[in-house]
Structures are given as C-alpha cells and as structure tokens.
Amino acid sequence: MKPFRFVVNGQKTHIQEYKKEMLFGPEWETIISFVGCRNRCKQIVDLLNECATISKNKQKND
C-alpha cells in the first residue's frame, strides 16, 4: 500500500497519509485540502509516494 493518496470530495481535494490498519480497513489522516487542483494534487501524491519508496529502498541498503 502506498503511504499517500488523494481523495476528491465535491470540489475539495484532500492529500492523505496512511496511519495504520484498522479492523474495517486502513486509517488515513488528511494532511492538506485544496479547492480544485485535482491534477496538481495527483502529481504531489505521486512525488510523495516515489520519495517514500526511494527512502525505504535506501534504508534497506544501509
């Protein structure tokens, strides 16, 4: 599971971070919300997930 996602709720776009696994699914915490900006939020989330993957791989190699 990727550590970040974006959710569109009406006109608002929320960038959320994975917190922990719960009984009925994962718990997510909203980091920041925007009005509109759906494409930009997707790019930000993709970048955050890529950075998290690189960081995780680097820790494995150290």
PDB file of N, CA and C in Angstrom:
ATOM      1  N   MET A   1       0.833  -1.178   0.000  1.00  0.00           N
ATOM      2  CA  MET A   1       0.000   0.000   0.000  1.00  0.00           C
ATOM      3  C   MET A   1       0.882   1.248   0.000  1.00  0.00           C
ATOM      4  N   LYS A   2       0.496   2.200  -0.790  1.00  0.00           N
ATOM      5  CA  LYS A   2       1.261   3.449  -0.864  1.00  0.00           C
ATOM      6  C   LYS A   2       0.948   4.309   0.367  1.00  0.00           C
ATOM      7  N   PRO A   3       1.949   5.044   0.868  1.00  0.00           N
ATOM      8  CA  PRO A   3       1.746   5.808   2.101  1.00  0.00           C
ATOM      9  C   PRO A   3       0.929   7.097   1.937  1.00  0.00           C
ATOM     10  N   PHE A   4       0.696   7.543   0.695  1.00  0.00           N
ATOM     11  CA  PHE A   4      -0.071   8.771   0.469  1.00  0.00           C
ATOM     12  C   PHE A   4      -1.113   8.535  -0.616  1.00  0.00           C
ATOM     13  N   ARG A   5      -2.214   9.266  -0.526  1.00  0.00           N
ATOM     14  CA  ARG A   5      -3.255   9.198  -1.556  1.00  0.00           C
ATOM     15  C   ARG A   5      -3.959  10.547  -1.612  1.00  0.00           C
ATOM     16  N   PHE A   6      -4.735  10.750  -2.691  1.00  0.00           N
ATOM     17  CA  PHE A   6      -5.569  11.946  -2.738  1.00  0.00           C
ATOM     18  C   PHE A   6      -7.014  11.510  -2.927  1.00  0.00           C
ATOM     19  N   VAL A   7      -7.911  12.262  -2.301  1.00  0.00           N
ATOM     20  CA  VAL A   7      -9.334  11.960  -2.332  1.00  0.00           C
ATOM     21  C   VAL A   7     -10.070  13.215  -2.788  1.00  0.00           C
ATOM     22  N   VAL A   8     -10.981  13.044  -3.727  1.00  0.00           N
ATOM     23  CA  VAL A   8     -11.783  14.164  -4.204  1.00  0.00           C
ATOM     24  C   VAL A   8     -13.163  14.051  -3.566  1.00  0.00           C
ATOM     25  N   ASN A   9     -13.577  15.117  -2.887  1.00  0.00           N
ATOM     26  CA  ASN A   9     -14.877  15.158  -2.222  1.00  0.00           C
ATOM     27  C   ASN A   9     -15.566  16.451  -2.656  1.00  0.00           C
ATOM     28  N   GLY A  10     -16.422  16.343  -3.652  1.00  0.00           N
ATOM     29  CA  GLY A  10     -17.041  17.545  -4.212  1.00  0.00           C
ATOM     30  C   GLY A  10     -15.993  18.369  -4.927  1.00  0.00           C
ATOM     31  N   GLN A  11     -15.831  19.629  -4.530  1.00  0.00           N
ATOM     32  CA  GLN A  11     -14.822  20.484  -5.146  1.00  0.00           C
ATOM     33  C   GLN A  11     -13.502  20.445  -4.395  1.00  0.00           C
ATOM     34  N   LYS A  12     -13.477  19.823  -3.218  1.00  0.00           N
ATOM     35  CA  LYS A  12     -12.245  19.780  -2.421  1.00  0.00           C
ATOM     36  C   LYS A  12     -11.434  18.536  -2.758  1.00  0.00           C
ATOM     37  N   THR A  13     -10.122  18.700  -2.780  1.00  0.00           N
ATOM     38  CA  THR A  13      -9.186  17.600  -2.981  1.00  0.00           C
ATOM     39  C   THR A  13      -8.323  17.508  -1.731  1.00  0.00           C
ATOM     40  N   HIS A  14      -8.281  16.318  -1.132  1.00  0.00           N
ATOM     41  CA  HIS A  14      -7.548  16.109   0.109  1.00  0.00           C
ATOM     42  C   HIS A  14      -6.336  15.214  -0.147  1.00  0.00           C
ATOM     43  N   ILE A  15      -5.174  15.606   0.352  1.00  0.00           N
ATOM     44  CA  ILE A  15      -3.995  14.746   0.337  1.00  0.00           C
ATOM     45  C   ILE A  15      -3.945  14.087   1.707  1.00  0.00           C
ATOM     46  N   GLN A  16      -3.917  12.747   1.712  1.00  0.00           N
ATOM     47  CA  GLN A  16      -3.976  11.995   2.956  1.00  0.00           C
ATOM     48  C   GLN A  16      -2.766  11.084   3.112  1.00  0.00           C
ATOM     49  N   GLU A  17      -2.399  10.848   4.378  1.00  0.00           N
ATOM     50  CA  GLU A  17      -1.283   9.968   4.724  1.00  0.00           C
ATOM     51  C   GLU A  17      -1.822   8.749   5.457  1.00  0.00           C
ATOM     52  N   TYR A  18      -1.303   7.568   5.101  1.00  0.00           N
ATOM     53  CA  TYR A  18      -1.693   6.321   5.757  1.00  0.00           C
ATOM     54  C   TYR A  18      -1.197   6.329   7.194  1.00  0.00           C
ATOM     55  N   LYS A  19      -2.052   5.959   8.136  1.00  0.00           N
ATOM     56  CA  LYS A  19      -1.665   5.929   9.550  1.00  0.00           C
ATOM     57  C   LYS A  19      -1.488   4.498  10.052  1.00  0.00           C
ATOM     58  N   LYS A  20      -2.549   3.685   9.990  1.00  0.00           N
ATOM     59  CA  LYS A  20      -2.456   2.305  10.470  1.00  0.00           C
ATOM     60  C   LYS A  20      -3.623   1.497   9.937  1.00  0.00           C
ATOM     61  N   GLU A  21      -3.499   0.193  10.038  1.00  0.00           N
ATOM     62  CA  GLU A  21      -4.547  -0.714   9.593  1.00  0.00           C
ATOM     63  C   GLU A  21      -5.555  -0.882  10.720  1.00  0.00           C
ATOM     64  N   MET A  22      -6.809  -0.727  10.397  1.00  0.00           N
ATOM     65  CA  MET A  22      -7.885  -0.871  11.375  1.00  0.00           C
ATOM     66  C   MET A  22      -8.701  -2.113  11.027  1.00  0.00           C
ATOM     67  N   LEU A  23      -9.656  -2.443  11.870  1.00  0.00           N
ATOM     68  CA  LEU A  23     -10.483  -3.630  11.673  1.00  0.00           C
ATOM     69  C   LEU A  23     -11.214  -3.609  10.330  1.00  0.00           C
ATOM     70  N   PHE A  24     -11.738  -2.456   9.942  1.00  0.00           N
ATOM     71  CA  PHE A  24     -12.520  -2.368   8.709  1.00  0.00           C
ATOM     72  C   PHE A  24     -11.774  -1.677   7.575  1.00  0.00           C
ATOM     73  N   GLY A  25     -10.452  -1.648   7.645  1.00  0.00           N
ATOM     74  CA  GLY A  25      -9.660  -1.039   6.583  1.00  0.00           C
ATOM     75  C   GLY A  25      -8.654  -0.055   7.140  1.00  0.00           C
ATOM     76  N   PRO A  26      -7.891   0.559   6.263  1.00  0.00           N
ATOM     77  CA  PRO A  26      -6.831   1.473   6.707  1.00  0.00           C
ATOM     78  C   PRO A  26      -7.379   2.797   7.236  1.00  0.00           C
ATOM     79  N   GLU A  27      -6.618   3.389   8.143  1.00  0.00           N
ATOM     80  CA  GLU A  27      -6.948   4.722   8.655  1.00  0.00           C
ATOM     81  C   GLU A  27      -6.057   5.731   7.942  1.00  0.00           C
ATOM     82  N   TRP A  28      -6.670   6.797   7.430  1.00  0.00           N
ATOM     83  CA  TRP A  28      -5.959   7.844   6.706  1.00  0.00           C
ATOM     84  C   TRP A  28      -6.161   9.170   7.425  1.00  0.00           C
ATOM     85  N   GLU A  29      -5.136  10.015   7.418  1.00  0.00           N
ATOM     86  CA  GLU A  29      -5.224  11.341   8.017  1.00  0.00           C
ATOM     87  C   GLU A  29      -4.997  12.385   6.928  1.00  0.00           C
ATOM     88  N   THR A  30      -5.896  13.355   6.851  1.00  0.00           N
ATOM     89  CA  THR A  30      -5.765  14.426   5.863  1.00  0.00           C
ATOM     90  C   THR A  30      -4.639  15.365   6.269  1.00  0.00           C
ATOM     91  N   ILE A  31      -3.693  15.557   5.370  1.00  0.00           N
ATOM     92  CA  ILE A  31      -2.564  16.454   5.608  1.00  0.00           C
ATOM     93  C   ILE A  31      -2.943  17.874   5.196  1.00  0.00           C
ATOM     94  N   ILE A  32      -3.552  17.995   4.010  1.00  0.00           N
ATOM     95  CA  ILE A  32      -3.906  19.315   3.479  1.00  0.00           C
ATOM     96  C   ILE A  32      -5.056  19.146   2.493  1.00  0.00           C
ATOM     97  N   SER A  33      -5.876  20.167   2.389  1.00  0.00           N
ATOM     98  CA  SER A  33      -7.012  20.163   1.463  1.00  0.00           C
ATOM     99  C   SER A  33      -6.942  21.392   0.564  1.00  0.00           C
ATOM    100  N   PHE A  34      -7.385  21.211  -0.669  1.00  0.00           N
ATOM    101  CA  PHE A  34      -7.421  22.293  -1.647  1.00  0.00           C
ATOM    102  C   PHE A  34      -8.804  22.340  -2.280  1.00  0.00           C
ATOM    103  N   VAL A  35      -9.175  23.500  -2.796  1.00  0.00           N
ATOM    104  CA  VAL A  35     -10.368  23.604  -3.629  1.00  0.00           C
ATOM    105  C   VAL A  35      -9.880  23.472  -5.061  1.00  0.00           C
ATOM    106  N   GLY A  36     -10.355  22.432  -5.735  1.00  0.00           N
ATOM    107  CA  GLY A  36      -9.884  22.163  -7.089  1.00  0.00           C
ATOM    108  C   GLY A  36      -8.508  21.526  -7.066  1.00  0.00           C
ATOM    109  N   CYS A  37      -7.668  21.852  -8.008  1.00  0.00           N
ATOM    110  CA  CYS A  37      -6.263  21.403  -8.076  1.00  0.00           C
ATOM    111  C   CYS A  37      -6.115  19.885  -8.137  1.00  0.00           C
ATOM    112  N   ARG A  38      -7.081  19.185  -8.710  1.00  0.00           N
ATOM    113  CA  ARG A  38      -7.040  17.721  -8.739  1.00  0.00           C
ATOM    114  C   ARG A  38      -5.773  17.187  -9.410  1.00  0.00           C
ATOM    115  N   ASN A  39      -5.423  17.718 -10.575  1.00  0.00           N
ATOM    116  CA  ASN A  39      -4.242  17.218 -11.289  1.00  0.00           C
ATOM    117  C   ASN A  39      -2.958  17.514 -10.526  1.00  0.00           C
ATOM    118  N   ARG A  40      -2.867  18.715  -9.947  1.00  0.00           N
ATOM    119  CA  ARG A  40      -1.674  19.088  -9.181  1.00  0.00           C
ATOM    120  C   ARG A  40      -1.555  18.200  -7.936  1.00  0.00           C
ATOM    121  N   CYS A  41      -2.671  17.915  -7.271  1.00  0.00           N
ATOM    122  CA  CYS A  41      -2.638  17.045  -6.084  1.00  0.00           C
ATOM    123  C   CYS A  41      -2.185  15.639  -6.459  1.00  0.00           C
ATOM    124  N   LYS A  42      -2.631  15.149  -7.614  1.00  0.00           N
ATOM    125  CA  LYS A  42      -2.194  13.821  -8.054  1.00  0.00           C
ATOM    126  C   LYS A  42      -0.686  13.816  -8.270  1.00  0.00           C
ATOM    127  N   GLN A  43      -0.146  14.870  -8.868  1.00  0.00           N
ATOM    128  CA  GLN A  43       1.300  14.958  -9.084  1.00  0.00           C
ATOM    129  C   GLN A  43       2.048  15.007  -7.752  1.00  0.00           C
ATOM    130  N   ILE A  44       1.525  15.753  -6.788  1.00  0.00           N
ATOM    131  CA  ILE A  44       2.161  15.842  -5.466  1.00  0.00           C
ATOM    132  C   ILE A  44       2.156  14.484  -4.786  1.00  0.00           C
ATOM    133  N   VAL A  45       1.031  13.779  -4.834  1.00  0.00           N
ATOM    134  CA  VAL A  45       0.921  12.461  -4.206  1.00  0.00           C
ATOM    135  C   VAL A  45       1.861  11.470  -4.881  1.00  0.00           C
ATOM    136  N   ASP A  46       1.937  11.494  -6.206  1.00  0.00           N
ATOM    137  CA  ASP A  46       2.869  10.607  -6.916  1.00  0.00           C
ATOM    138  C   ASP A  46       4.310  10.878  -6.482  1.00  0.00           C
ATOM    139  N   LEU A  47       4.663  12.144  -6.343  1.00  0.00           N
ATOM    140  CA  LEU A  47       6.014  12.514  -5.911  1.00  0.00           C
ATOM    141  C   LEU A  47       6.276  12.059  -4.472  1.00  0.00           C
ATOM    142  N   LEU A  48       5.317  12.266  -3.575  1.00  0.00           N
ATOM    143  CA  LEU A  48       5.471  11.823  -2.179  1.00  0.00           C
ATOM    144  C   LEU A  48       5.659  10.307  -2.101  1.00  0.00           C
ATOM    145  N   ASN A  49       4.867   9.560  -2.873  1.00  0.00           N
ATOM    146  CA  ASN A  49       4.982   8.100  -2.868  1.00  0.00           C
ATOM    147  C   ASN A  49       6.322   7.642  -3.439  1.00  0.00           C
ATOM    148  N   GLU A  50       6.787   8.315  -4.474  1.00  0.00           N
ATOM    149  CA  GLU A  50       8.089   7.978  -5.060  1.00  0.00           C
ATOM    150  C   GLU A  50       9.212   8.247  -4.058  1.00  0.00           C
ATOM    151  N   CYS A  51       9.143   9.374  -3.361  1.00  0.00           N
ATOM    152  CA  CYS A  51      10.157   9.699  -2.341  1.00  0.00           C
ATOM    153  C   CYS A  51      10.140   8.674  -1.212  1.00  0.00           C
ATOM    154  N   ALA A  52       8.952   8.255  -0.800  1.00  0.00           N
ATOM    155  CA  ALA A  52       8.839   7.254   0.264  1.00  0.00           C
ATOM    156  C   ALA A  52       9.442   5.925  -0.177  1.00  0.00           C
ATOM    157  N   THR A  53       9.224   5.537  -1.427  1.00  0.00           N
ATOM    158  CA  THR A  53       9.788   4.290  -1.954  1.00  0.00           C
ATOM    159  C   THR A  53      11.309   4.365  -2.009  1.00  0.00           C
ATOM    160  N   ILE A  54      11.839   5.479  -2.487  1.00  0.00           N
ATOM    161  CA  ILE A  54      13.295   5.657  -2.555  1.00  0.00           C
ATOM    162  C   ILE A  54      13.897   5.609  -1.158  1.00  0.00           C
ATOM    163  N   SER A  55      13.260   6.274  -0.208  1.00  0.00           N
ATOM    164  CA  SER A  55      13.747   6.296   1.171  1.00  0.00           C
ATOM    165  C   SER A  55      13.742   4.898   1.778  1.00  0.00           C
ATOM    166  N   LYS A  56      12.667   4.143   1.528  1.00  0.00           N
ATOM    167  CA  LYS A  56      12.560   2.783   2.062  1.00  0.00           C
ATOM    168  C   LYS A  56      13.645   1.890   1.465  1.00  0.00           C
ATOM    169  N   ASN A  57      13.876   2.005   0.151  1.00  0.00           N
ATOM    170  CA  ASN A  57      14.909   1.203  -0.510  1.00  0.00           C
ATOM    171  C   ASN A  57      16.299   1.573  -0.010  1.00  0.00           C
ATOM    172  N   LYS A  58      16.528   2.854   0.234  1.00  0.00           N
ATOM    173  CA  LYS A  58      17.829   3.296   0.731  1.00  0.00           C
ATOM    174  C   LYS A  58      18.086   2.740   2.132  1.00  0.00           C
ATOM    175  N   GLN A  59      17.058   2.707   2.977  1.00  0.00           N
ATOM    176  CA  GLN A  59      17.202   2.165   4.330  1.00  0.00           C
ATOM    177  C   GLN A  59      17.535   0.680   4.294  1.00  0.00           C
ATOM    178  N   LYS A  60      16.961  -0.051   3.340  1.00  0.00           N
ATOM    179  CA  LYS A  60      17.251  -1.483   3.207  1.00  0.00           C
ATOM    180  C   LYS A  60      18.710  -1.711   2.833  1.00  0.00           C
ATOM    181  N   ASN A  61      19.269  -0.819   2.007  1.00  0.00           N
ATOM    182  CA  ASN A  61      20.641  -0.979   1.530  1.00  0.00           C
ATOM    183  C   ASN A  61      21.683  -0.545   2.555  1.00  0.00           C
ATOM    184  N   ASP A  62      21.283   0.267   3.528  1.00  0.00           N
ATOM    185  CA  ASP A  62      22.244   0.752   4.536  1.00  0.00           C
ATOM    186  C   ASP A  62      22.532  -0.278   5.598  1.00  0.00           C
TER     187      ASP A  62
END
